[in-house]
Amino acid sequence: MFTPLQNPSFCRVFKVNESGYRIIWNDEINLSEYELWKNGEKVTEADNVSSSMPETQAV
């Protein structure tokens, strides 16, 4: 189910639901705020800077 998220182009295009507690990629793939909090990894500013990765686009 989450295999498409391995594709950087797919992963960068998402939307946040109306309540702001879920990230949605399509009708089948979404993550709740709890899932992100429980299993996410902290990103530092140094980790976030990469000239090879285009910016994320929320739609």
PDB file of N, CA and C in Angstrom:
ATOM      1  N   MET A   1       0.818  -1.201   0.000  1.00  0.00           N
ATOM      2  CA  MET A   1       0.000   0.000   0.000  1.00  0.00           C
ATOM      3  C   MET A   1       0.860   1.262   0.000  1.00  0.00           C
ATOM      4  N   PHE A   2       1.931   1.277   0.787  1.00  0.00           N
ATOM      5  CA  PHE A   2       2.754   2.483   0.900  1.00  0.00           C
ATOM      6  C   PHE A   2       3.937   2.501  -0.072  1.00  0.00           C
ATOM      7  N   THR A   3       4.025   1.517  -0.950  1.00  0.00           N
ATOM      8  CA  THR A   3       5.118   1.450  -1.923  1.00  0.00           C
ATOM      9  C   THR A   3       5.263   2.727  -2.745  1.00  0.00           C
ATOM     10  N   PRO A   4       4.176   3.368  -3.197  1.00  0.00           N
ATOM     11  CA  PRO A   4       4.338   4.606  -3.979  1.00  0.00           C
ATOM     12  C   PRO A   4       5.105   5.705  -3.238  1.00  0.00           C
ATOM     13  N   LEU A   5       5.125   5.674  -1.896  1.00  0.00           N
ATOM     14  CA  LEU A   5       5.845   6.702  -1.141  1.00  0.00           C
ATOM     15  C   LEU A   5       7.357   6.576  -1.290  1.00  0.00           C
ATOM     16  N   GLN A   6       7.821   5.469  -1.843  1.00  0.00           N
ATOM     17  CA  GLN A   6       9.247   5.319  -2.115  1.00  0.00           C
ATOM     18  C   GLN A   6       9.661   6.133  -3.337  1.00  0.00           C
ATOM     19  N   ASN A   7       8.693   6.574  -4.114  1.00  0.00           N
ATOM     20  CA  ASN A   7       8.944   7.415  -5.284  1.00  0.00           C
ATOM     21  C   ASN A   7       8.948   8.875  -4.822  1.00  0.00           C
ATOM     22  N   PRO A   8      10.103   9.554  -4.860  1.00  0.00           N
ATOM     23  CA  PRO A   8      10.172  10.934  -4.368  1.00  0.00           C
ATOM     24  C   PRO A   8       9.177  11.881  -5.031  1.00  0.00           C
ATOM     25  N   SER A   9       8.928  11.709  -6.320  1.00  0.00           N
ATOM     26  CA  SER A   9       7.969  12.584  -7.010  1.00  0.00           C
ATOM     27  C   SER A   9       6.565  12.410  -6.453  1.00  0.00           C
ATOM     28  N   PHE A  10       6.173  11.175  -6.188  1.00  0.00           N
ATOM     29  CA  PHE A  10       4.857  10.901  -5.611  1.00  0.00           C
ATOM     30  C   PHE A  10       4.790  11.428  -4.176  1.00  0.00           C
ATOM     31  N   CYS A  11       5.837  11.177  -3.428  1.00  0.00           N
ATOM     32  CA  CYS A  11       5.866  11.534  -2.003  1.00  0.00           C
ATOM     33  C   CYS A  11       5.758  13.039  -1.785  1.00  0.00           C
ATOM     34  N   ARG A  12       6.266  13.829  -2.700  1.00  0.00           N
ATOM     35  CA  ARG A  12       6.289  15.286  -2.532  1.00  0.00           C
ATOM     36  C   ARG A  12       4.940  15.954  -2.767  1.00  0.00           C
ATOM     37  N   VAL A  13       3.989  15.256  -3.369  1.00  0.00           N
ATOM     38  CA  VAL A  13       2.694  15.865  -3.687  1.00  0.00           C
ATOM     39  C   VAL A  13       1.639  15.298  -2.743  1.00  0.00           C
ATOM     40  N   PHE A  14       1.176  16.126  -1.820  1.00  0.00           N
ATOM     41  CA  PHE A  14       0.225  15.693  -0.800  1.00  0.00           C
ATOM     42  C   PHE A  14      -0.686  16.845  -0.429  1.00  0.00           C
ATOM     43  N   LYS A  15      -1.683  16.562   0.399  1.00  0.00           N
ATOM     44  CA  LYS A  15      -2.503  17.629   0.974  1.00  0.00           C
ATOM     45  C   LYS A  15      -2.753  17.296   2.437  1.00  0.00           C
ATOM     46  N   VAL A  16      -3.081  18.301   3.195  1.00  0.00           N
ATOM     47  CA  VAL A  16      -3.424  18.142   4.607  1.00  0.00           C
ATOM     48  C   VAL A  16      -4.933  18.215   4.700  1.00  0.00           C
ATOM     49  N   ASN A  17      -5.543  17.285   5.465  1.00  0.00           N
ATOM     50  CA  ASN A  17      -7.006  17.309   5.547  1.00  0.00           C
ATOM     51  C   ASN A  17      -7.496  18.569   6.252  1.00  0.00           C
ATOM     52  N   GLU A  18      -8.799  18.794   6.181  1.00  0.00           N
ATOM     53  CA  GLU A  18      -9.415  20.035   6.679  1.00  0.00           C
ATOM     54  C   GLU A  18      -9.092  20.318   8.142  1.00  0.00           C
ATOM     55  N   SER A  19      -9.021  19.275   8.973  1.00  0.00           N
ATOM     56  CA  SER A  19      -8.753  19.480  10.397  1.00  0.00           C
ATOM     57  C   SER A  19      -7.265  19.674  10.683  1.00  0.00           C
ATOM     58  N   GLY A  20      -6.416  19.365   9.707  1.00  0.00           N
ATOM     59  CA  GLY A  20      -4.980  19.538   9.890  1.00  0.00           C
ATOM     60  C   GLY A  20      -4.306  18.390  10.607  1.00  0.00           C
ATOM     61  N   TYR A  21      -5.006  17.267  10.767  1.00  0.00           N
ATOM     62  CA  TYR A  21      -4.463  16.138  11.523  1.00  0.00           C
ATOM     63  C   TYR A  21      -4.140  14.921  10.666  1.00  0.00           C
ATOM     64  N   ARG A  22      -4.079  15.075   9.371  1.00  0.00           N
ATOM     65  CA  ARG A  22      -3.808  13.938   8.487  1.00  0.00           C
ATOM     66  C   ARG A  22      -3.161  14.451   7.205  1.00  0.00           C
ATOM     67  N   ILE A  23      -2.149  13.728   6.737  1.00  0.00           N
ATOM     68  CA  ILE A  23      -1.521  14.018   5.455  1.00  0.00           C
ATOM     69  C   ILE A  23      -2.045  12.995   4.460  1.00  0.00           C
ATOM     70  N   ILE A  24      -2.505  13.479   3.299  1.00  0.00           N
ATOM     71  CA  ILE A  24      -3.149  12.605   2.318  1.00  0.00           C
ATOM     72  C   ILE A  24      -2.410  12.686   0.986  1.00  0.00           C
ATOM     73  N   TRP A  25      -2.068  11.535   0.442  1.00  0.00           N
ATOM     74  CA  TRP A  25      -1.468  11.465  -0.891  1.00  0.00           C
ATOM     75  C   TRP A  25      -2.510  11.093  -1.932  1.00  0.00           C
ATOM     76  N   ASN A  26      -3.361  10.128  -1.620  1.00  0.00           N
ATOM     77  CA  ASN A  26      -4.455   9.741  -2.514  1.00  0.00           C
ATOM     78  C   ASN A  26      -5.538   9.048  -1.683  1.00  0.00           C
ATOM     79  N   ASP A  27      -6.509   8.428  -2.325  1.00  0.00           N
ATOM     80  CA  ASP A  27      -7.609   7.789  -1.599  1.00  0.00           C
ATOM     81  C   ASP A  27      -7.161   6.600  -0.756  1.00  0.00           C
ATOM     82  N   GLU A  28      -6.001   6.035  -1.060  1.00  0.00           N
ATOM     83  CA  GLU A  28      -5.528   4.853  -0.349  1.00  0.00           C
ATOM     84  C   GLU A  28      -4.404   5.129   0.640  1.00  0.00           C
ATOM     85  N   ILE A  29      -3.675   6.222   0.459  1.00  0.00           N
ATOM     86  CA  ILE A  29      -2.493   6.478   1.285  1.00  0.00           C
ATOM     87  C   ILE A  29      -2.648   7.776   2.055  1.00  0.00           C
ATOM     88  N   ASN A  30      -2.647   7.658   3.394  1.00  0.00           N
ATOM     89  CA  ASN A  30      -2.678   8.829   4.263  1.00  0.00           C
ATOM     90  C   ASN A  30      -2.071   8.459   5.602  1.00  0.00           C
ATOM     91  N   LEU A  31      -1.607   9.452   6.332  1.00  0.00           N
ATOM     92  CA  LEU A  31      -1.018   9.239   7.652  1.00  0.00           C
ATOM     93  C   LEU A  31      -1.644  10.206   8.645  1.00  0.00           C
ATOM     94  N   SER A  32      -1.980   9.683   9.809  1.00  0.00           N
ATOM     95  CA  SER A  32      -2.552  10.518  10.863  1.00  0.00           C
ATOM     96  C   SER A  32      -1.442  11.225  11.631  1.00  0.00           C
ATOM     97  N   GLU A  33      -1.830  12.229  12.400  1.00  0.00           N
ATOM     98  CA  GLU A  33      -0.846  12.945  13.213  1.00  0.00           C
ATOM     99  C   GLU A  33      -0.228  12.017  14.244  1.00  0.00           C
ATOM    100  N   TYR A  34      -0.992  11.060  14.759  1.00  0.00           N
ATOM    101  CA  TYR A  34      -0.461  10.114  15.746  1.00  0.00           C
ATOM    102  C   TYR A  34       0.612   9.231  15.118  1.00  0.00           C
ATOM    103  N   GLU A  35       0.358   8.752  13.922  1.00  0.00           N
ATOM    104  CA  GLU A  35       1.337   7.907  13.220  1.00  0.00           C
ATOM    105  C   GLU A  35       2.633   8.678  12.993  1.00  0.00           C
ATOM    106  N   LEU A  36       2.527   9.932  12.590  1.00  0.00           N
ATOM    107  CA  LEU A  36       3.721  10.753  12.385  1.00  0.00           C
ATOM    108  C   LEU A  36       4.450  11.010  13.697  1.00  0.00           C
ATOM    109  N   TRP A  37       3.694  11.269  14.769  1.00  0.00           N
ATOM    110  CA  TRP A  37       4.303  11.529  16.073  1.00  0.00           C
ATOM    111  C   TRP A  37       4.972  10.266  16.611  1.00  0.00           C
ATOM    112  N   LYS A  38       4.303   9.136  16.505  1.00  0.00           N
ATOM    113  CA  LYS A  38       4.785   7.874  17.063  1.00  0.00           C
ATOM    114  C   LYS A  38       5.984   7.324  16.287  1.00  0.00           C
ATOM    115  N   ASN A  39       5.955   7.402  14.964  1.00  0.00           N
ATOM    116  CA  ASN A  39       6.968   6.738  14.145  1.00  0.00           C
ATOM    117  C   ASN A  39       7.831   7.680  13.314  1.00  0.00           C
ATOM    118  N   GLY A  40       7.571   8.980  13.410  1.00  0.00           N
ATOM    119  CA  GLY A  40       8.358   9.929  12.625  1.00  0.00           C
ATOM    120  C   GLY A  40       9.761  10.096  13.172  1.00  0.00           C
ATOM    121  N   GLU A  41      10.610  10.664  12.369  1.00  0.00           N
ATOM    122  CA  GLU A  41      11.978  10.951  12.776  1.00  0.00           C
ATOM    123  C   GLU A  41      12.189  12.457  12.776  1.00  0.00           C
ATOM    124  N   LYS A  42      12.844  12.955  13.818  1.00  0.00           N
ATOM    125  CA  LYS A  42      13.122  14.378  13.909  1.00  0.00           C
ATOM    126  C   LYS A  42      14.083  14.781  12.791  1.00  0.00           C
ATOM    127  N   VAL A  43      13.778  15.889  12.138  1.00  0.00           N
ATOM    128  CA  VAL A  43      14.613  16.399  11.052  1.00  0.00           C
ATOM    129  C   VAL A  43      15.222  17.707  11.514  1.00  0.00           C
ATOM    130  N   THR A  44      16.540  17.782  11.481  1.00  0.00           N
ATOM    131  CA  THR A  44      17.210  19.025  11.841  1.00  0.00           C
ATOM    132  C   THR A  44      17.346  19.882  10.594  1.00  0.00           C
ATOM    133  N   GLU A  45      17.681  21.134  10.788  1.00  0.00           N
ATOM    134  CA  GLU A  45      17.842  22.031   9.645  1.00  0.00           C
ATOM    135  C   GLU A  45      18.922  21.505   8.702  1.00  0.00           C
ATOM    136  N   ALA A  46      19.988  20.948   9.252  1.00  0.00           N
ATOM    137  CA  ALA A  46      21.060  20.404   8.415  1.00  0.00           C
ATOM    138  C   ALA A  46      20.559  19.226   7.586  1.00  0.00           C
ATOM    139  N   ASP A  47      19.681  18.396   8.167  1.00  0.00           N
ATOM    140  CA  ASP A  47      19.101  17.272   7.431  1.00  0.00           C
ATOM    141  C   ASP A  47      18.180  17.761   6.329  1.00  0.00           C
ATOM    142  N   ASN A  48      17.542  18.882   6.566  1.00  0.00           N
ATOM    143  CA  ASN A  48      16.521  19.401   5.667  1.00  0.00           C
ATOM    144  C   ASN A  48      17.109  20.081   4.435  1.00  0.00           C
ATOM    145  N   VAL A  49      18.363  20.493   4.489  1.00  0.00           N
ATOM    146  CA  VAL A  49      18.982  21.222   3.386  1.00  0.00           C
ATOM    147  C   VAL A  49      19.604  20.224   2.418  1.00  0.00           C
ATOM    148  N   SER A  50      19.107  20.248   1.184  1.00  0.00           N
ATOM    149  CA  SER A  50      19.659  19.371   0.160  1.00  0.00           C
ATOM    150  C   SER A  50      19.451  20.014  -1.203  1.00  0.00           C
ATOM    151  N   SER A  51      20.519  20.240  -1.916  1.00  0.00           N
ATOM    152  CA  SER A  51      20.392  20.860  -3.236  1.00  0.00           C
ATOM    153  C   SER A  51      19.866  19.874  -4.269  1.00  0.00           C
ATOM    154  N   SER A  52      19.913  18.578  -3.967  1.00  0.00           N
ATOM    155  CA  SER A  52      19.470  17.590  -4.943  1.00  0.00           C
ATOM    156  C   SER A  52      17.990  17.262  -4.828  1.00  0.00           C
ATOM    157  N   MET A  53      17.303  17.762  -3.811  1.00  0.00           N
ATOM    158  CA  MET A  53      15.900  17.430  -3.613  1.00  0.00           C
ATOM    159  C   MET A  53      15.026  18.668  -3.798  1.00  0.00           C
ATOM    160  N   PRO A  54      14.114  18.637  -4.791  1.00  0.00           N
ATOM    161  CA  PRO A  54      13.191  19.769  -4.959  1.00  0.00           C
ATOM    162  C   PRO A  54      12.282  19.906  -3.747  1.00  0.00           C
ATOM    163  N   GLU A  55      11.740  21.085  -3.565  1.00  0.00           N
ATOM    164  CA  GLU A  55      10.868  21.320  -2.423  1.00  0.00           C
ATOM    165  C   GLU A  55       9.576  20.534  -2.534  1.00  0.00           C
ATOM    166  N   THR A  56       8.989  20.219  -1.375  1.00  0.00           N
ATOM    167  CA  THR A  56       7.717  19.514  -1.316  1.00  0.00           C
ATOM    168  C   THR A  56       6.602  20.440  -1.765  1.00  0.00           C
ATOM    169  N   GLN A  57       5.608  19.880  -2.427  1.00  0.00           N
ATOM    170  CA  GLN A  57       4.485  20.668  -2.915  1.00  0.00           C
ATOM    171  C   GLN A  57       3.200  20.160  -2.288  1.00  0.00           C
ATOM    172  N   ALA A  58       2.629  20.912  -1.388  1.00  0.00           N
ATOM    173  CA  ALA A  58       1.321  20.561  -0.839  1.00  0.00           C
ATOM    174  C   ALA A  58       0.263  21.029  -1.818  1.00  0.00           C
ATOM    175  N   VAL A  59      -0.720  20.183  -2.072  1.00  0.00           N
ATOM    176  CA  VAL A  59      -1.803  20.546  -2.997  1.00  0.00           C
ATOM    177  C   VAL A  59      -3.125  20.584  -2.273  1.00  0.00           C
TER     178      VAL A  59
END
